[in-house]
N, C-alpha and C. Protein backbone atom coordinates (compact mmCIF):
# COMPACT_ATOMS: atom_id res chain seq x y z
N MET A 1 -174.47 51.90 22.63
CA MET A 1 -174.94 52.74 23.42
C MET A 1 -173.27 53.28 23.42
N GLU A 2 -172.99 54.82 23.78
CA GLU A 2 -171.80 55.19 23.96
C GLU A 2 -171.29 55.10 24.67
N ASN A 3 -169.49 55.29 24.54
CA ASN A 3 -168.68 54.88 25.58
C ASN A 3 -169.16 54.93 26.90
N ARG A 4 -168.25 54.16 27.86
CA ARG A 4 -168.75 53.68 29.21
C ARG A 4 -169.17 54.97 30.06
N GLU A 5 -167.87 56.12 29.56
CA GLU A 5 -167.85 57.02 30.37
C GLU A 5 -168.86 58.42 29.93
N GLU A 6 -168.95 58.11 28.63
CA GLU A 6 -170.18 59.03 28.02
C GLU A 6 -171.60 58.68 28.79
N MET A 7 -172.02 57.12 29.08
CA MET A 7 -173.03 56.65 29.32
C MET A 7 -173.21 57.08 30.71
N ILE A 8 -172.07 57.04 31.72
CA ILE A 8 -171.97 57.40 33.07
C ILE A 8 -172.59 58.72 33.35
N LYS A 9 -171.55 59.49 32.99
CA LYS A 9 -172.18 61.12 32.64
C LYS A 9 -173.72 61.29 32.26
N SER A 10 -174.23 60.74 31.26
CA SER A 10 -175.54 61.19 30.68
C SER A 10 -176.17 60.30 31.65
N PHE A 11 -176.30 59.13 32.39
CA PHE A 11 -176.95 58.61 33.63
C PHE A 11 -177.08 59.65 34.69
N TYR A 12 -176.38 59.72 35.16
CA TYR A 12 -176.32 60.97 36.14
C TYR A 12 -176.80 62.45 35.82
N LYS A 13 -176.72 62.98 34.42
CA LYS A 13 -177.40 63.88 34.47
C LYS A 13 -178.85 63.97 34.29
N LEU A 14 -178.97 62.68 33.75
CA LEU A 14 -180.74 62.59 33.70
C LEU A 14 -181.12 62.63 35.30
N ILE A 15 -180.49 61.95 36.25
CA ILE A 15 -180.85 61.95 37.84
C ILE A 15 -180.83 63.64 38.37
N GLU A 16 -179.75 64.10 37.86
CA GLU A 16 -179.73 65.70 38.11
C GLU A 16 -180.89 66.40 37.44
N ASN A 17 -181.26 65.80 36.34
CA ASN A 17 -182.42 66.61 35.78
C ASN A 17 -183.46 65.73 36.14
N GLU A 18 -184.22 65.11 36.68
CA GLU A 18 -184.73 64.41 37.88
C GLU A 18 -185.61 63.85 36.53
N ASN A 19 -185.07 63.32 35.13
CA ASN A 19 -185.43 62.83 34.42
C ASN A 19 -185.81 61.14 34.78
N TYR A 20 -186.29 60.54 35.78
CA TYR A 20 -186.04 59.19 36.26
C TYR A 20 -186.39 58.23 35.45
N ASP A 21 -187.60 58.67 34.28
CA ASP A 21 -187.96 57.76 33.60
C ASP A 21 -187.26 57.11 32.46
N GLU A 22 -186.69 58.10 32.49
CA GLU A 22 -185.43 57.59 31.05
C GLU A 22 -184.17 56.77 31.46
N LEU A 23 -184.09 56.62 33.28
CA LEU A 23 -183.12 56.07 33.65
C LEU A 23 -183.23 54.22 32.89
N LYS A 24 -184.26 54.01 32.79
CA LYS A 24 -184.24 52.47 32.30
C LYS A 24 -183.57 52.06 31.20
N GLU A 25 -183.01 52.92 30.38
CA GLU A 25 -182.22 52.73 28.83
C GLU A 25 -180.96 52.79 29.24
N PHE A 26 -180.48 52.92 30.75
CA PHE A 26 -179.10 52.76 31.09
C PHE A 26 -179.09 51.44 32.01
N CYS A 27 -179.77 50.73 32.45
CA CYS A 27 -180.10 49.58 33.59
C CYS A 27 -180.62 48.22 33.33
N HIS A 28 -179.27 47.57 33.63
CA HIS A 28 -180.15 46.16 33.28
C HIS A 28 -181.24 45.76 33.65
N LYS A 29 -181.97 44.54 33.51
CA LYS A 29 -183.00 44.02 33.74
C LYS A 29 -182.77 43.61 35.22
N ASP A 30 -181.92 43.54 35.46
CA ASP A 30 -181.31 42.88 37.05
C ASP A 30 -180.87 43.89 37.91
N PHE A 31 -181.06 45.35 37.56
CA PHE A 31 -180.54 46.12 38.20
C PHE A 31 -180.51 46.31 39.69
N VAL A 32 -179.71 46.56 40.61
CA VAL A 32 -180.01 46.58 42.08
C VAL A 32 -179.19 48.13 42.26
N PHE A 33 -179.78 48.65 43.29
CA PHE A 33 -179.29 49.77 43.52
C PHE A 33 -179.15 49.55 45.52
N TYR A 34 -177.69 49.89 45.90
CA TYR A 34 -177.52 49.79 47.40
C TYR A 34 -177.09 51.01 47.71
N PRO A 35 -178.27 51.96 48.38
CA PRO A 35 -177.42 52.92 49.09
C PRO A 35 -176.76 52.89 50.41
N GLN A 36 -177.25 51.73 50.94
CA GLN A 36 -176.54 51.39 52.15
C GLN A 36 -176.15 50.19 51.82
N ILE A 37 -175.30 49.69 52.86
CA ILE A 37 -174.76 48.22 52.95
C ILE A 37 -175.65 46.93 52.38
N ASP A 38 -176.85 46.98 53.09
CA ASP A 38 -177.84 46.01 53.61
C ASP A 38 -179.04 46.20 53.01
N THR A 39 -179.24 47.42 52.20
CA THR A 39 -180.89 47.87 51.94
C THR A 39 -180.64 48.01 50.68
N PRO A 40 -180.91 46.61 49.79
CA PRO A 40 -181.24 46.90 48.33
C PRO A 40 -182.51 47.55 47.67
N PHE A 41 -182.66 48.20 46.40
CA PHE A 41 -183.64 48.71 45.42
C PHE A 41 -183.39 47.85 44.67
N TYR A 42 -184.38 46.94 44.22
CA TYR A 42 -184.59 46.22 43.13
C TYR A 42 -185.23 46.69 42.02
N GLY A 43 -184.73 46.57 40.53
CA GLY A 43 -184.80 47.38 39.55
C GLY A 43 -185.09 48.61 38.90
N ILE A 44 -185.13 48.88 37.93
CA ILE A 44 -185.31 50.49 37.64
C ILE A 44 -186.44 51.20 38.85
N GLU A 45 -188.08 50.74 39.25
CA GLU A 45 -188.83 51.03 39.90
C GLU A 45 -188.14 51.39 41.21
N GLY A 46 -186.96 50.48 41.71
CA GLY A 46 -186.73 50.93 43.23
C GLY A 46 -185.77 51.96 43.09
N LEU A 47 -184.99 51.98 41.82
CA LEU A 47 -184.04 53.10 41.91
C LEU A 47 -184.67 54.24 41.91
N LYS A 48 -185.94 54.32 40.99
CA LYS A 48 -186.68 56.01 40.91
C LYS A 48 -187.36 56.35 42.25
N ALA A 49 -187.72 55.26 43.10
CA ALA A 49 -188.68 55.59 44.21
C ALA A 49 -187.32 56.34 45.19
N SER A 50 -186.28 55.21 45.04
CA SER A 50 -185.25 55.88 46.38
C SER A 50 -184.46 57.17 46.07
N GLU A 51 -184.17 57.59 44.56
CA GLU A 51 -183.97 59.02 43.90
C GLU A 51 -185.21 59.45 44.35
N ARG A 52 -185.91 59.66 43.89
CA ARG A 52 -187.12 60.91 44.26
C ARG A 52 -187.41 60.76 45.63
N LYS A 53 -187.08 60.31 46.57
CA LYS A 53 -187.67 59.91 47.89
C LYS A 53 -186.19 60.94 48.36
N ASN A 54 -185.25 60.89 47.72
CA ASN A 54 -183.95 61.71 48.48
C ASN A 54 -183.66 62.73 47.99
N PHE A 55 -183.99 63.02 46.54
CA PHE A 55 -183.37 64.08 45.94
C PHE A 55 -184.40 65.08 45.74
N SER A 56 -186.09 64.73 46.34
CA SER A 56 -187.07 65.68 46.37
C SER A 56 -187.17 67.05 47.63
N SER A 57 -186.21 66.69 48.59
CA SER A 57 -186.31 67.50 49.77
C SER A 57 -184.94 68.67 49.26
N PHE A 58 -184.59 68.33 47.88
CA PHE A 58 -183.77 69.67 47.26
C PHE A 58 -183.61 69.69 45.77
N PRO A 59 -185.21 70.36 45.62
CA PRO A 59 -185.64 70.65 44.42
C PRO A 59 -184.64 71.61 43.66
N GLY A 60 -184.36 71.52 42.23
CA GLY A 60 -183.39 72.30 41.32
C GLY A 60 -181.93 71.65 42.05
N PHE A 61 -181.71 70.83 42.60
CA PHE A 61 -180.39 70.30 42.81
C PHE A 61 -179.16 70.40 41.82
N LYS A 62 -177.97 70.53 42.01
CA LYS A 62 -177.24 70.07 41.16
C LYS A 62 -176.05 69.08 41.76
N MET A 63 -175.90 68.10 40.77
CA MET A 63 -174.90 66.58 40.91
C MET A 63 -174.11 66.84 39.81
N PRO A 64 -172.81 67.54 39.32
CA PRO A 64 -172.15 67.10 38.35
C PRO A 64 -171.21 66.09 38.95
N VAL A 65 -170.70 65.12 37.68
CA VAL A 65 -170.00 64.26 37.80
C VAL A 65 -168.51 64.96 37.76
N LYS A 66 -167.73 64.86 38.92
CA LYS A 66 -166.52 65.37 39.04
C LYS A 66 -165.42 64.70 38.43
N GLU A 67 -165.29 62.86 38.83
CA GLU A 67 -164.37 62.43 38.27
C GLU A 67 -164.94 60.94 38.12
N ILE A 68 -164.13 60.00 37.21
CA ILE A 68 -164.50 58.80 36.61
C ILE A 68 -163.61 58.11 36.58
N ILE A 69 -163.78 56.59 37.57
CA ILE A 69 -162.14 56.41 37.21
C ILE A 69 -162.79 54.97 36.46
N LEU A 70 -162.13 54.12 35.78
CA LEU A 70 -162.61 53.02 34.64
C LEU A 70 -161.09 52.40 34.48
N ASP A 71 -161.63 50.87 34.52
CA ASP A 71 -160.36 50.25 34.54
C ASP A 71 -160.88 49.08 33.27
N ASN A 72 -160.04 47.97 32.82
CA ASN A 72 -160.78 47.18 31.95
C ASN A 72 -161.56 46.20 32.42
N SER A 73 -162.33 46.49 33.51
CA SER A 73 -163.02 45.46 34.12
C SER A 73 -164.47 45.48 34.35
N ASP A 74 -165.21 45.34 34.49
CA ASP A 74 -166.83 45.65 34.36
C ASP A 74 -167.18 46.95 35.51
N ARG A 75 -166.50 47.41 36.13
CA ARG A 75 -166.82 48.24 37.22
C ARG A 75 -166.43 49.61 36.89
N ALA A 76 -166.89 50.97 37.60
CA ALA A 76 -166.33 52.22 37.23
C ALA A 76 -166.60 52.74 39.32
N ALA A 77 -165.75 53.75 39.09
CA ALA A 77 -165.99 54.26 40.35
C ALA A 77 -166.41 56.04 39.97
N VAL A 78 -167.30 56.67 40.92
CA VAL A 78 -167.83 57.99 40.03
C VAL A 78 -167.65 58.69 41.53
N TYR A 79 -167.28 60.08 41.52
CA TYR A 79 -167.03 60.77 42.28
C TYR A 79 -167.86 62.21 42.17
N LEU A 80 -169.08 62.64 42.85
CA LEU A 80 -169.73 63.87 42.15
C LEU A 80 -169.87 64.78 43.54
N ILE A 81 -170.33 65.81 43.36
CA ILE A 81 -170.33 67.06 44.22
C ILE A 81 -171.60 67.21 43.92
N PHE A 82 -172.50 67.45 45.28
CA PHE A 82 -174.23 67.40 45.29
C PHE A 82 -174.68 69.14 45.92
N GLU A 83 -175.15 69.90 45.15
CA GLU A 83 -175.48 71.01 46.06
C GLU A 83 -176.89 71.19 45.64
N GLY A 84 -177.76 72.35 46.66
CA GLY A 84 -178.83 72.22 46.72
C GLY A 84 -179.51 73.13 47.92
N LYS A 85 -180.67 73.28 47.84
CA LYS A 85 -181.46 73.82 49.14
C LYS A 85 -182.55 73.38 49.67
N HIS A 86 -182.44 72.95 51.10
CA HIS A 86 -183.59 72.02 51.77
C HIS A 86 -184.95 72.89 52.02
N THR A 87 -185.43 72.83 50.57
CA THR A 87 -186.79 73.81 50.18
C THR A 87 -187.77 72.63 49.99
N GLY A 88 -187.67 71.53 49.63
CA GLY A 88 -188.53 70.41 49.22
C GLY A 88 -189.58 69.85 50.36
N THR A 89 -189.23 68.18 50.42
CA THR A 89 -189.85 67.64 51.15
C THR A 89 -188.98 67.35 52.82
N PRO A 90 -189.32 66.80 53.76
CA PRO A 90 -188.68 66.49 55.05
C PRO A 90 -187.46 65.67 54.31
N PHE A 91 -186.46 66.05 54.90
CA PHE A 91 -184.80 64.89 54.56
C PHE A 91 -184.76 64.08 55.87
N ASN A 92 -185.21 62.93 56.05
CA ASN A 92 -184.33 61.95 57.04
C ASN A 92 -185.61 62.97 58.64
N GLY A 93 -186.57 62.95 58.25
CA GLY A 93 -187.60 63.62 59.00
C GLY A 93 -187.56 65.49 59.66
N ILE A 94 -186.51 65.76 58.91
CA ILE A 94 -186.18 67.03 59.24
C ILE A 94 -186.78 68.15 57.99
N ASN A 95 -187.83 68.88 58.69
CA ASN A 95 -189.07 69.55 57.28
C ASN A 95 -187.87 70.42 56.73
N PRO A 96 -188.10 71.23 55.79
CA PRO A 96 -187.47 71.78 54.95
C PRO A 96 -186.93 73.05 55.89
N THR A 97 -185.75 73.38 56.05
CA THR A 97 -185.15 74.89 56.28
C THR A 97 -184.39 75.83 55.75
N GLY A 98 -184.65 75.29 54.58
CA GLY A 98 -184.16 76.28 53.20
C GLY A 98 -182.46 76.65 53.68
N LYS A 99 -181.56 75.85 54.00
CA LYS A 99 -180.15 75.84 54.00
C LYS A 99 -179.54 75.09 53.18
N PHE A 100 -178.62 75.68 52.28
CA PHE A 100 -177.80 75.36 51.13
C PHE A 100 -176.97 73.92 52.10
N VAL A 101 -177.06 72.93 51.31
CA VAL A 101 -176.16 71.88 51.78
C VAL A 101 -175.14 71.25 50.05
N LYS A 102 -173.82 71.20 50.71
CA LYS A 102 -172.94 70.72 49.49
C LYS A 102 -171.88 69.50 50.23
N PHE A 103 -172.19 68.68 49.53
CA PHE A 103 -171.42 67.16 49.95
C PHE A 103 -171.13 66.31 48.78
N SER A 104 -170.30 65.62 49.22
CA SER A 104 -169.70 64.49 47.90
C SER A 104 -170.32 63.15 47.90
N LEU A 105 -170.36 62.76 46.99
CA LEU A 105 -170.93 61.03 46.75
C LEU A 105 -169.30 60.76 46.11
N MET A 106 -169.76 59.19 46.26
CA MET A 106 -168.75 58.38 45.79
C MET A 106 -169.97 57.18 45.37
N MET A 107 -169.71 56.67 43.89
CA MET A 107 -170.61 55.71 43.81
C MET A 107 -169.96 54.47 42.91
N LEU A 108 -169.95 53.13 43.04
CA LEU A 108 -169.15 52.53 42.35
C LEU A 108 -170.33 51.73 41.86
N LEU A 109 -170.28 51.50 40.37
CA LEU A 109 -171.25 51.37 39.21
C LEU A 109 -170.61 49.46 38.76
N LYS A 110 -171.23 48.68 38.78
CA LYS A 110 -171.10 47.46 37.66
C LYS A 110 -172.40 47.35 36.66
N PHE A 111 -171.42 46.78 35.54
CA PHE A 111 -171.88 46.61 34.41
C PHE A 111 -171.90 45.08 33.84
N LYS A 112 -172.82 44.98 33.14
CA LYS A 112 -173.09 43.79 32.50
C LYS A 112 -174.36 44.08 31.46
N ASP A 113 -173.57 43.43 30.03
CA ASP A 113 -174.41 43.96 28.82
C ASP A 113 -174.36 45.24 28.32
N ASN A 114 -173.08 45.90 28.72
CA ASN A 114 -173.25 47.34 28.43
C ASN A 114 -174.27 48.39 29.37
N LYS A 115 -174.71 47.59 30.22
CA LYS A 115 -175.80 48.09 31.08
C LYS A 115 -175.32 48.25 32.46
N ILE A 116 -175.58 49.50 33.40
CA ILE A 116 -175.87 49.09 34.96
C ILE A 116 -176.50 48.03 35.39
N ILE A 117 -175.41 47.21 36.33
CA ILE A 117 -176.29 45.83 36.42
C ILE A 117 -176.54 46.53 38.38
N GLU A 118 -175.84 47.25 38.63
CA GLU A 118 -175.37 47.26 40.39
C GLU A 118 -174.83 48.82 40.53
N LYS A 119 -175.45 49.50 41.50
CA LYS A 119 -175.15 50.87 41.68
C LYS A 119 -174.60 50.96 43.35
N ARG A 120 -173.98 51.13 43.77
CA ARG A 120 -173.32 51.05 45.11
C ARG A 120 -173.38 52.70 45.65
N SER A 121 -173.74 53.21 46.94
CA SER A 121 -173.44 54.32 46.68
C SER A 121 -172.70 54.58 48.06
N HIS A 122 -171.99 55.90 48.65
CA HIS A 122 -171.57 56.23 49.67
C HIS A 122 -171.37 57.99 49.93
N VAL A 123 -172.57 58.15 50.82
CA VAL A 123 -172.82 59.54 51.20
C VAL A 123 -172.47 59.80 53.02
N ASP A 124 -171.75 60.50 53.51
CA ASP A 124 -171.88 60.98 54.77
C ASP A 124 -173.46 61.73 55.14
N VAL A 125 -174.63 60.80 55.58
CA VAL A 125 -175.91 61.38 55.82
C VAL A 125 -175.99 62.32 56.77
N ASN A 126 -174.85 61.66 58.10
CA ASN A 126 -174.57 62.98 59.10
C ASN A 126 -174.28 64.20 58.31
N ASP A 127 -173.21 64.38 57.89
CA ASP A 127 -173.02 65.28 57.50
C ASP A 127 -174.05 66.52 57.01
N ILE A 128 -174.78 65.74 55.97
CA ILE A 128 -175.84 66.42 55.61
C ILE A 128 -177.16 66.81 56.41
N ILE A 129 -177.31 66.23 57.80
CA ILE A 129 -177.93 66.54 58.53
C ILE A 129 -177.57 67.78 59.54
N LYS A 130 -176.15 67.68 59.70
CA LYS A 130 -175.47 69.03 60.33
C LYS A 130 -175.60 69.71 59.70
N GLN A 131 -175.56 69.87 57.88
CA GLN A 131 -175.62 71.35 57.36
C GLN A 131 -176.92 71.99 57.62
N ILE A 132 -177.86 70.86 57.22
CA ILE A 132 -179.24 71.46 57.59
C ILE A 132 -180.08 72.16 59.14
N LYS A 133 -179.36 71.17 59.87
CA LYS A 133 -179.45 71.86 61.18
C LYS A 133 -178.81 73.02 61.68
N LYS A 134 -177.64 73.39 61.16
CA LYS A 134 -176.93 74.64 61.43
C LYS A 134 -177.50 75.78 61.32
């Protein structure tokens, strides 16, 4: 597989393009996604279900990688900006409003055997809700 930085960019491009089935190429067999501290989603199917649920509220969204911080360890930090219109499914119980949202995301990725074994996400959901409701 390509170098780690290119791997990360490719991984997030698949998410941005909603090509969730192709994510398995990048994920370790023991993959775990933590969108919140104590709410793990196990395996590639857990990741796909979580991403589909969240991003289906914003069809056609953009989520470019803005910065990747790598060191010599098994971890990487990824900074992304999300932009989209709330025209899809309800988000956190809020029916589509047609409002444009823009927010930042921070991800911490952990690698094993040159694949992503863990993804931890930090996003301010209250900021998203505030933008949807304004």
